[in-house]
C-alpha atoms as a PDB file:
ATOM      1  CA  UNK A   1      99.215 106.787  88.431  1.00  0.00           C
ATOM      2  CA  UNK A   2     102.558 104.958  87.782  1.00  0.00           C
ATOM      3  CA  UNK A   3     104.668 103.069  90.885  1.00  0.00           C
ATOM      4  CA  UNK A   4     106.459 100.920  88.851  1.00  0.00           C
ATOM      5  CA  UNK A   5     109.737 102.616  90.079  1.00  0.00           C
ATOM      6  CA  UNK A   6     109.703 100.432  93.343  1.00  0.00           C
ATOM      7  CA  UNK A   7     111.975  98.160  91.645  1.00  0.00           C
ATOM      8  CA  UNK A   8     114.630 100.371  93.543  1.00  0.00           C
ATOM      9  CA  UNK A   9     114.677  98.083  96.370  1.00  0.00           C
ATOM     10  CA  UNK A  10     116.705  95.986  94.287  1.00  0.00           C
ATOM     11  CA  UNK A  11     120.218  97.003  95.776  1.00  0.00           C
ATOM     12  CA  UNK A  12     123.816  95.966  96.253  1.00  0.00           C
ATOM     13  CA  UNK A  13     126.614  97.110  97.805  1.00  0.00           C
ATOM     14  CA  UNK A  14     129.100  97.647  95.363  1.00  0.00           C
ATOM     15  CA  UNK A  15     130.084  97.841  91.433  1.00  0.00           C
ATOM     16  CA  UNK A  16     132.713  98.702  89.561  1.00  0.00           C
ATOM     17  CA  UNK A  17     132.364 102.117  87.882  1.00  0.00           C
ATOM     18  CA  UNK A  18     131.489 100.838  84.152  1.00  0.00           C
ATOM     19  CA  UNK A  19     127.853 100.498  83.124  1.00  0.00           C
ATOM     20  CA  UNK A  20     128.794  96.860  81.751  1.00  0.00           C
ATOM     21  CA  UNK A  21     130.704  95.748  85.124  1.00  0.00           C
ATOM     22  CA  UNK A  22     129.341  92.434  86.631  1.00  0.00           C
ATOM     23  CA  UNK A  23     128.096  92.896  89.991  1.00  0.00           C
ATOM     24  CA  UNK A  24     128.459  90.094  92.713  1.00  0.00           C
ATOM     25  CA  UNK A  25     125.636  88.572  93.854  1.00  0.00           C
ATOM     26  CA  UNK A  26     126.676  87.344  97.134  1.00  0.00           C
ATOM     27  CA  UNK A  27     126.175  91.837  98.325  1.00  0.00           C
ATOM     28  CA  UNK A  28     122.458  91.143  97.306  1.00  0.00           C
ATOM     29  CA  UNK A  29     120.169  90.106  99.866  1.00  0.00           C
ATOM     30  CA  UNK A  30     117.070  88.002  98.652  1.00  0.00           C
ATOM     31  CA  UNK A  31     113.872  88.958 100.086  1.00  0.00           C
ATOM     32  CA  UNK A  32     110.249  89.297 100.112  1.00  0.00           C
ATOM     33  CA  UNK A  33     108.937  92.704 101.719  1.00  0.00           C
ATOM     34  CA  UNK A  34     105.311  94.294 101.924  1.00  0.00           C
ATOM     35  CA  UNK A  35     104.688  97.856 102.058  1.00  0.00           C
ATOM     36  CA  UNK A  36     101.428  99.453 102.687  1.00  0.00           C
ATOM     37  CA  UNK A  37     100.564 102.834 101.043  1.00  0.00           C
ATOM     38  CA  UNK A  38      98.291 106.051 101.895  1.00  0.00           C
ATOM     39  CA  UNK A  39      97.905 109.601 101.068  1.00  0.00           C
ATOM     40  CA  UNK A  40      99.737 112.122 103.066  1.00  0.00           C
ATOM     41  CA  UNK A  41      99.454 115.023 101.247  1.00  0.00           C
ATOM     42  CA  UNK A  42      97.164 116.215  98.407  1.00  0.00           C
ATOM     43  CA  UNK A  43      96.798 119.495  96.649  1.00  0.00           C
ATOM     44  CA  UNK A  44      94.814 120.753  93.618  1.00  0.00           C
ATOM     45  CA  UNK A  45      91.845 119.666  91.804  1.00  0.00           C
ATOM     46  CA  UNK A  46      94.711 116.683  90.451  1.00  0.00           C
ATOM     47  CA  UNK A  47      94.671 115.416  94.264  1.00  0.00           C
ATOM     48  CA  UNK A  48      92.950 112.226  95.037  1.00  0.00           C
ATOM     49  CA  UNK A  49      90.580 112.859  98.029  1.00  0.00           C
ATOM     50  CA  UNK A  50      92.001 109.546  99.353  1.00  0.00           C
ATOM     51  CA  UNK A  51      94.359 107.257  98.232  1.00  0.00           C
ATOM     52  CA  UNK A  52      95.549 103.410 100.036  1.00  0.00           C
ATOM     53  CA  UNK A  53      97.054 100.797  98.988  1.00  0.00           C
ATOM     54  CA  UNK A  54      99.870  97.751  99.530  1.00  0.00           C
ATOM     55  CA  UNK A  55     103.105  96.451  97.581  1.00  0.00           C
ATOM     56  CA  UNK A  56     104.437  92.449  97.817  1.00  0.00           C
ATOM     57  CA  UNK A  57     107.760  92.868  96.550  1.00  0.00           C
ATOM     58  CA  UNK A  58     109.841  89.904  96.290  1.00  0.00           C
ATOM     59  CA  UNK A  59     113.928  89.717  95.011  1.00  0.00           C
ATOM     60  CA  UNK A  60     115.590  87.081  94.417  1.00  0.00           C
ATOM     61  CA  UNK A  61     119.917  87.465  93.849  1.00  0.00           C
ATOM     62  CA  UNK A  62     120.972  84.360  92.243  1.00  0.00           C
ATOM     63  CA  UNK A  63     124.093  82.959  91.107  1.00  0.00           C
ATOM     64  CA  UNK A  64     123.893  84.820  87.539  1.00  0.00           C
ATOM     65  CA  UNK A  65     121.716  87.340  88.116  1.00  0.00           C
ATOM     66  CA  UNK A  66     118.585  88.898  89.773  1.00  0.00           C
ATOM     67  CA  UNK A  67     114.673  88.658  89.750  1.00  0.00           C
ATOM     68  CA  UNK A  68     112.367  90.521  90.382  1.00  0.00           C
ATOM     69  CA  UNK A  69     108.699  90.149  90.896  1.00  0.00           C
ATOM     70  CA  UNK A  70     106.089  93.124  91.736  1.00  0.00           C
ATOM     71  CA  UNK A  71     102.472  92.940  92.735  1.00  0.00           C
ATOM     72  CA  UNK A  72     100.872  96.802  93.616  1.00  0.00           C
ATOM     73  CA  UNK A  73      97.426  97.889  94.278  1.00  0.00           C
ATOM     74  CA  UNK A  74      96.053 101.333  94.938  1.00  0.00           C
ATOM     75  CA  UNK A  75      92.788 102.268  96.027  1.00  0.00           C
ATOM     76  CA  UNK A  76      91.948 106.103  94.673  1.00  0.00           C
ATOM     77  CA  UNK A  77      88.966 107.723  95.868  1.00  0.00           C
ATOM     78  CA  UNK A  78      89.441 111.401  92.615  1.00  0.00           C
ATOM     79  CA  UNK A  79      87.840 114.028  94.149  1.00  0.00           C
ATOM     80  CA  UNK A  80      84.777 113.819  91.983  1.00  0.00           C
ATOM     81  CA  UNK A  81      83.936 110.868  89.342  1.00  0.00           C
ATOM     82  CA  UNK A  82      84.093 107.275  90.804  1.00  0.00           C
ATOM     83  CA  UNK A  83      86.553 105.464  92.955  1.00  0.00           C
ATOM     84  CA  UNK A  84      89.684 103.544  90.802  1.00  0.00           C
ATOM     85  CA  UNK A  85      91.105 100.665  91.937  1.00  0.00           C
ATOM     86  CA  UNK A  86      94.918  99.787  90.340  1.00  0.00           C
ATOM     87  CA  UNK A  87      96.466  96.813  89.879  1.00  0.00           C
ATOM     88  CA  UNK A  88      99.745  95.939  88.625  1.00  0.00           C
ATOM     89  CA  UNK A  89     102.363  93.476  88.124  1.00  0.00           C
ATOM     90  CA  UNK A  90     105.832  93.835  87.176  1.00  0.00           C
ATOM     91  CA  UNK A  91     108.584  90.919  86.809  1.00  0.00           C
ATOM     92  CA  UNK A  92     111.942  92.017  85.604  1.00  0.00           C
ATOM     93  CA  UNK A  93     115.335  89.930  85.237  1.00  0.00           C
ATOM     94  CA  UNK A  94     118.698  91.343  85.246  1.00  0.00           C
ATOM     95  CA  UNK A  95     121.753  89.555  84.664  1.00  0.00           C
ATOM     96  CA  UNK A  96     124.818  90.103  87.091  1.00  0.00           C
ATOM     97  CA  UNK A  97     127.177  91.330  83.964  1.00  0.00           C
ATOM     98  CA  UNK A  98     124.420  94.507  83.524  1.00  0.00           C
ATOM     99  CA  UNK A  99     123.816  92.711  80.053  1.00  0.00           C
ATOM    100  CA  UNK A 100     120.306  91.656  79.774  1.00  0.00           C
ATOM    101  CA  UNK A 101     117.802  93.074  81.056  1.00  0.00           C
ATOM    102  CA  UNK A 102     113.777  91.260  80.667  1.00  0.00           C
ATOM    103  CA  UNK A 103     110.825  92.786  81.651  1.00  0.00           C
ATOM    104  CA  UNK A 104     107.295  92.295  81.724  1.00  0.00           C
ATOM    105  CA  UNK A 105     104.510  94.756  83.186  1.00  0.00           C
ATOM    106  CA  UNK A 106     100.636  94.461  83.279  1.00  0.00           C
ATOM    107  CA  UNK A 107      98.497  96.901  84.666  1.00  0.00           C
ATOM    108  CA  UNK A 108      94.804  96.040  84.916  1.00  0.00           C
ATOM    109  CA  UNK A 109      93.232  99.460  84.871  1.00  0.00           C
ATOM    110  CA  UNK A 110      91.275 100.956  81.704  1.00  0.00           C
ATOM    111  CA  UNK A 111      91.648  99.073  78.877  1.00  0.00           C
ATOM    112  CA  UNK A 112      94.483  97.265  80.265  1.00  0.00           C
ATOM    113  CA  UNK A 113      98.464  97.836  79.646  1.00  0.00           C
ATOM    114  CA  UNK A 114     100.984  95.602  79.118  1.00  0.00           C
ATOM    115  CA  UNK A 115     104.600  96.409  78.415  1.00  0.00           C
ATOM    116  CA  UNK A 116     107.070  93.479  77.681  1.00  0.00           C
ATOM    117  CA  UNK A 117     110.583  93.670  76.080  1.00  0.00           C
ATOM    118  CA  UNK A 118     114.144  93.206  76.497  1.00  0.00           C
ATOM    119  CA  UNK A 119     117.298  95.358  76.662  1.00  0.00           C
ATOM    120  CA  UNK A 120     120.839  93.845  75.873  1.00  0.00           C
ATOM    121  CA  UNK A 121     124.156  95.875  76.253  1.00  0.00           C
ATOM    122  CA  UNK A 122     126.952  94.856  73.404  1.00  0.00           C
ATOM    123  CA  UNK A 123     130.305  95.305  73.952  1.00  0.00           C
ATOM    124  CA  UNK A 124     131.010  98.719  72.864  1.00  0.00           C
ATOM    125  CA  UNK A 125     128.310  99.858  76.005  1.00  0.00           C
ATOM    126  CA  UNK A 126     125.278 100.603  73.661  1.00  0.00           C
ATOM    127  CA  UNK A 127     121.804  99.035  74.701  1.00  0.00           C
ATOM    128  CA  UNK A 128     119.486  98.167  72.356  1.00  0.00           C
ATOM    129  CA  UNK A 129     115.975  97.906  73.725  1.00  0.00           C
ATOM    130  CA  UNK A 130     113.270  95.770  71.589  1.00  0.00           C
ATOM    131  CA  UNK A 131     109.578  95.961  72.603  1.00  0.00           C
ATOM    132  CA  UNK A 132     107.331  93.486  72.132  1.00  0.00           C
ATOM    133  CA  UNK A 133     104.205  95.198  73.615  1.00  0.00           C
ATOM    134  CA  UNK A 134     102.346  97.575  73.585  1.00  0.00           C
ATOM    135  CA  UNK A 135     103.489  97.067  70.006  1.00  0.00           C
ATOM    136  CA  UNK A 136     106.852  96.331  68.679  1.00  0.00           C
ATOM    137  CA  UNK A 137     109.199  98.691  68.978  1.00  0.00           C
ATOM    138  CA  UNK A 138     113.554  99.205  68.542  1.00  0.00           C
ATOM    139  CA  UNK A 139     115.486 102.077  69.743  1.00  0.00           C
ATOM    140  CA  UNK A 140     119.414 102.373  70.839  1.00  0.00           C
ATOM    141  CA  UNK A 141     120.680 104.172  73.989  1.00  0.00           C
ATOM    142  CA  UNK A 142     124.650 104.811  74.056  1.00  0.00           C
ATOM    143  CA  UNK A 143     126.712 104.220  76.343  1.00  0.00           C
ATOM    144  CA  UNK A 144     126.262 104.831  80.088  1.00  0.00           C
ATOM    145  CA  UNK A 145     122.797 104.361  80.749  1.00  0.00           C
ATOM    146  CA  UNK A 146     122.280 102.073  83.660  1.00  0.00           C
ATOM    147  CA  UNK A 147     119.032  99.163  84.187  1.00  0.00           C
ATOM    148  CA  UNK A 148     117.922  99.600  87.615  1.00  0.00           C
ATOM    149  CA  UNK A 149     119.824  97.394  89.532  1.00  0.00           C
ATOM    150  CA  UNK A 150     123.127  98.656  88.320  1.00  0.00           C
ATOM    151  CA  UNK A 151     121.606 102.141  89.523  1.00  0.00           C
ATOM    152  CA  UNK A 152     121.067 101.635  93.059  1.00  0.00           C
ATOM    153  CA  UNK A 153     124.207  99.625  93.192  1.00  0.00           C
ATOM    154  CA  UNK A 154     126.022 103.214  91.966  1.00  0.00           C
ATOM    155  CA  UNK A 155     124.037 105.144  94.193  1.00  0.00           C
ATOM    156  CA  UNK A 156     125.133 102.836  97.312  1.00  0.00           C
ATOM    157  CA  UNK A 157     128.601 103.090  95.951  1.00  0.00           C
ATOM    158  CA  UNK A 158     127.850 107.244  96.396  1.00  0.00           C
ATOM    159  CA  UNK A 159     126.897 106.734  99.824  1.00  0.00           C
ATOM    160  CA  UNK A 160     129.794 104.472 100.663  1.00  0.00           C
ATOM    161  CA  UNK A 161     132.089 106.967  99.735  1.00  0.00           C
ATOM    162  CA  UNK A 162     130.273 110.047 101.251  1.00  0.00           C
ATOM    163  CA  UNK A 163     129.344 111.543  98.479  1.00  0.00           C
ATOM    164  CA  UNK A 164     126.153 113.811  98.600  1.00  0.00           C
ATOM    165  CA  UNK A 165     124.628 113.950  94.731  1.00  0.00           C
ATOM    166  CA  UNK A 166     124.550 111.077  92.037  1.00  0.00           C
ATOM    167  CA  UNK A 167     124.276 112.033  88.207  1.00  0.00           C
ATOM    168  CA  UNK A 168     122.516 109.198  85.992  1.00  0.00           C
ATOM    169  CA  UNK A 169     120.431 108.101  82.990  1.00  0.00           C
ATOM    170  CA  UNK A 170     118.211 105.047  83.723  1.00  0.00           C
ATOM    171  CA  UNK A 171     116.614 102.595  81.789  1.00  0.00           C
ATOM    172  CA  UNK A 172     113.843 100.599  83.986  1.00  0.00           C
ATOM    173  CA  UNK A 173     111.120  99.969  81.114  1.00  0.00           C
ATOM    174  CA  UNK A 174     108.576 102.580  83.072  1.00  0.00           C
ATOM    175  CA  UNK A 175     105.617 103.594  81.289  1.00  0.00           C
ATOM    176  CA  UNK A 176     105.486 102.405  77.870  1.00  0.00           C
ATOM    177  CA  UNK A 177     109.125 100.984  77.919  1.00  0.00           C
ATOM    178  CA  UNK A 178     110.416 103.816  75.464  1.00  0.00           C
ATOM    179  CA  UNK A 179     111.988 106.336  77.927  1.00  0.00           C
ATOM    180  CA  UNK A 180     115.537 107.063  79.166  1.00  0.00           C
ATOM    181  CA  UNK A 181     115.648 109.074  82.246  1.00  0.00           C
ATOM    182  CA  UNK A 182     117.513 111.541  83.869  1.00  0.00           C
ATOM    183  CA  UNK A 183     117.990 110.928  87.521  1.00  0.00           C
ATOM    184  CA  UNK A 184     119.372 112.652  90.140  1.00  0.00           C
ATOM    185  CA  UNK A 185     119.985 111.066  93.484  1.00  0.00           C
ATOM    186  CA  UNK A 186     120.399 113.372  96.643  1.00  0.00           C
ATOM    187  CA  UNK A 187     122.287 111.246  99.472  1.00  0.00           C
ATOM    188  CA  UNK A 188     121.758 111.991 103.384  1.00  0.00           C
ATOM    189  CA  UNK A 189     124.313 111.159 106.189  1.00  0.00           C
ATOM    190  CA  UNK A 190     124.259 107.339 107.529  1.00  0.00           C
ATOM    191  CA  UNK A 191     121.035 106.863 109.865  1.00  0.00           C
ATOM    192  CA  UNK A 192     121.970 106.364 113.349  1.00  0.00           C
ATOM    193  CA  UNK A 193     118.252 106.608 114.283  1.00  0.00           C
ATOM    194  CA  UNK A 194     116.317 103.512 114.606  1.00  0.00           C
ATOM    195  CA  UNK A 195     114.128 102.690 111.622  1.00  0.00           C
ATOM    196  CA  UNK A 196     110.693 103.795 112.424  1.00  0.00           C
ATOM    197  CA  UNK A 197     108.989 101.119 110.002  1.00  0.00           C
ATOM    198  CA  UNK A 198     107.627  98.139 111.443  1.00  0.00           C
ATOM    199  CA  UNK A 199     108.887  95.296 109.041  1.00  0.00           C
ATOM    200  CA  UNK A 200     112.426  97.046 110.055  1.00  0.00           C
ATOM    201  CA  UNK A 201     112.676  95.890 113.137  1.00  0.00           C
ATOM    202  CA  UNK A 202     113.734  92.496 112.312  1.00  0.00           C
ATOM    203  CA  UNK A 203     116.496  91.158 113.569  1.00  0.00           C
ATOM    204  CA  UNK A 204     117.951  90.848 109.685  1.00  0.00           C
ATOM    205  CA  UNK A 205     118.467  94.391 109.478  1.00  0.00           C
ATOM    206  CA  UNK A 206     120.223  95.326 112.959  1.00  0.00           C
ATOM    207  CA  UNK A 207     123.496  96.930 112.838  1.00  0.00           C
ATOM    208  CA  UNK A 208     123.605  97.473 108.912  1.00  0.00           C
ATOM    209  CA  UNK A 209     124.034 101.134 107.163  1.00  0.00           C
ATOM    210  CA  UNK A 210     121.302 102.567 105.617  1.00  0.00           C
ATOM    211  CA  UNK A 211     121.466 106.065 104.337  1.00  0.00           C
ATOM    212  CA  UNK A 212     118.124 108.610 103.301  1.00  0.00           C
ATOM    213  CA  UNK A 213     118.057 109.057  99.473  1.00  0.00           C
ATOM    214  CA  UNK A 214     115.681 110.951  97.389  1.00  0.00           C
ATOM    215  CA  UNK A 215     115.619 110.216  93.826  1.00  0.00           C
ATOM    216  CA  UNK A 216     113.900 112.711  91.275  1.00  0.00           C
ATOM    217  CA  UNK A 217     113.303 111.392  87.579  1.00  0.00           C
ATOM    218  CA  UNK A 218     113.264 113.993  85.117  1.00  0.00           C
ATOM    219  CA  UNK A 219     112.723 113.309  81.172  1.00  0.00           C
ATOM    220  CA  UNK A 220     116.064 112.906  79.186  1.00  0.00           C
ATOM    221  CA  UNK A 221     117.655 116.176  78.742  1.00  0.00           C
ATOM    222  CA  UNK A 222     115.620 117.984  81.369  1.00  0.00           C
ATOM    223  CA  UNK A 223     117.217 117.615  84.450  1.00  0.00           C
ATOM    224  CA  UNK A 224     116.617 121.628  84.791  1.00  0.00           C
ATOM    225  CA  UNK A 225     113.362 121.315  84.601  1.00  0.00           C
ATOM    226  CA  UNK A 226     110.645 119.931  87.210  1.00  0.00           C
ATOM    227  CA  UNK A 227     110.811 116.722  88.088  1.00  0.00           C
ATOM    228  CA  UNK A 228     108.295 113.970  86.870  1.00  0.00           C
ATOM    229  CA  UNK A 229     108.030 112.674  90.286  1.00  0.00           C
ATOM    230  CA  UNK A 230     110.274 112.141  93.220  1.00  0.00           C
ATOM    231  CA  UNK A 231     110.976 108.916  95.438  1.00  0.00           C
ATOM    232  CA  UNK A 232     112.791 109.077  98.305  1.00  0.00           C
ATOM    233  CA  UNK A 233     113.551 106.092 101.028  1.00  0.00           C
ATOM    234  CA  UNK A 234     115.892 104.511 103.436  1.00  0.00           C
ATOM    235  CA  UNK A 235     118.484 102.450 101.410  1.00  0.00           C
ATOM    236  CA  UNK A 236     119.987  99.419 103.513  1.00  0.00           C
ATOM    237  CA  UNK A 237     123.407  98.341 102.523  1.00  0.00           C
ATOM    238  CA  UNK A 238     121.735  94.893 101.875  1.00  0.00           C
ATOM    239  CA  UNK A 239     119.208  96.388  99.211  1.00  0.00           C
ATOM    240  CA  UNK A 240     116.668  96.515 101.500  1.00  0.00           C
ATOM    241  CA  UNK A 241     114.338 100.039 101.730  1.00  0.00           C
ATOM    242  CA  UNK A 242     112.126 101.434 104.054  1.00  0.00           C
ATOM    243  CA  UNK A 243     110.220 104.932 104.890  1.00  0.00           C
ATOM    244  CA  UNK A 244     109.082 104.919 100.904  1.00  0.00           C
ATOM    245  CA  UNK A 245     107.747 108.731 100.041  1.00  0.00           C
ATOM    246  CA  UNK A 246     106.452 109.029  96.496  1.00  0.00           C
ATOM    247  CA  UNK A 247     106.183 112.995  95.455  1.00  0.00           C
ATOM    248  CA  UNK A 248     103.914 113.554  92.444  1.00  0.00           C
ATOM    249  CA  UNK A 249     103.655 117.293  92.720  1.00  0.00           C
ATOM    250  CA  UNK A 250      99.436 117.352  93.343  1.00  0.00           C
ATOM    251  CA  UNK A 251      99.548 114.514  95.915  1.00  0.00           C
ATOM    252  CA  UNK A 252     102.086 112.184  98.253  1.00  0.00           C
ATOM    253  CA  UNK A 253     102.255 109.011  98.875  1.00  0.00           C
ATOM    254  CA  UNK A 254     104.076 107.061 101.930  1.00  0.00           C
ATOM    255  CA  UNK A 255     104.763 103.516 102.005  1.00  0.00           C
ATOM    256  CA  UNK A 256     105.552 101.395 105.322  1.00  0.00           C
ATOM    257  CA  UNK A 257     107.422  98.450 105.476  1.00  0.00           C
ATOM    258  CA  UNK A 258     105.244  96.025 107.295  1.00  0.00           C
ATOM    259  CA  UNK A 259     106.614  92.861 107.212  1.00  0.00           C
ATOM    260  CA  UNK A 260     109.938  91.080 105.137  1.00  0.00           C
ATOM    261  CA  UNK A 261     111.677  87.686 105.067  1.00  0.00           C
ATOM    262  CA  UNK A 262     114.629  86.728 103.980  1.00  0.00           C
ATOM    263  CA  UNK A 263     115.052  83.193 102.670  1.00  0.00           C
ATOM    264  CA  UNK A 264     118.260  80.984 103.105  1.00  0.00           C
ATOM    265  CA  UNK A 265     121.340  82.471 100.622  1.00  0.00           C
ATOM    266  CA  UNK A 266     121.958  80.262  97.449  1.00  0.00           C
ATOM    267  CA  UNK A 267     126.053  79.265  97.272  1.00  0.00           C
ATOM    268  CA  UNK A 268     126.993  79.850  93.766  1.00  0.00           C
ATOM    269  CA  UNK A 269     129.854  78.047  92.065  1.00  0.00           C
ATOM    270  CA  UNK A 270     133.034  79.662  91.169  1.00  0.00           C
END
């Protein structure tokens, strides 16, 4: 099961229209968040009989970029067969100019999977991806591909303008690191009702704008078909997310924000 797209919580408030534009670091909130996962729907033989888990996520907004660490554990009982416990650890770094994206992901399931590499954007906007694991592999992507932080930033920018749909091509190094995704973002009206998640009751989130967002992930060039999965959540203007919902077609997991901490902001030299 792939849940690595939880990197969506590295949001920001505004970036310019070019994919390689610098992102203002002061608009991001460094934070540590805990999410509890639970199965809420399941249909068909591929759906698990039960599933639960936890995500520990840390996002740091430093002066020259953004670092993220995610640890995810999912305990799943298939309808037939033995219980499966999956642990995934992911670390990434993305510079503020959108020119450098480094990633490492390890999954403790089966024989174990690891993806390690780097994506760099040149002056023309072309992205060159170089994987070292699971096997050395290189490929290029044309201009217009966003890295994870850039993509969510564009979604927030669109939400601020009152737009309902935002289309993008995204490289986030998920799966085996060889895929570019076509992502459709559906953006709802800014929420006015109180956030239901326990961790969202902190004073640090009071008064901030948030929008209900649904991201549908398609294989490249397959936007007219069925998405591989849909990720829904409440996106705060400072980059925090709550009310997660991960729809894999055969089953749905929810993730409640149960705890969050905000370290002191770092002052950047000009």
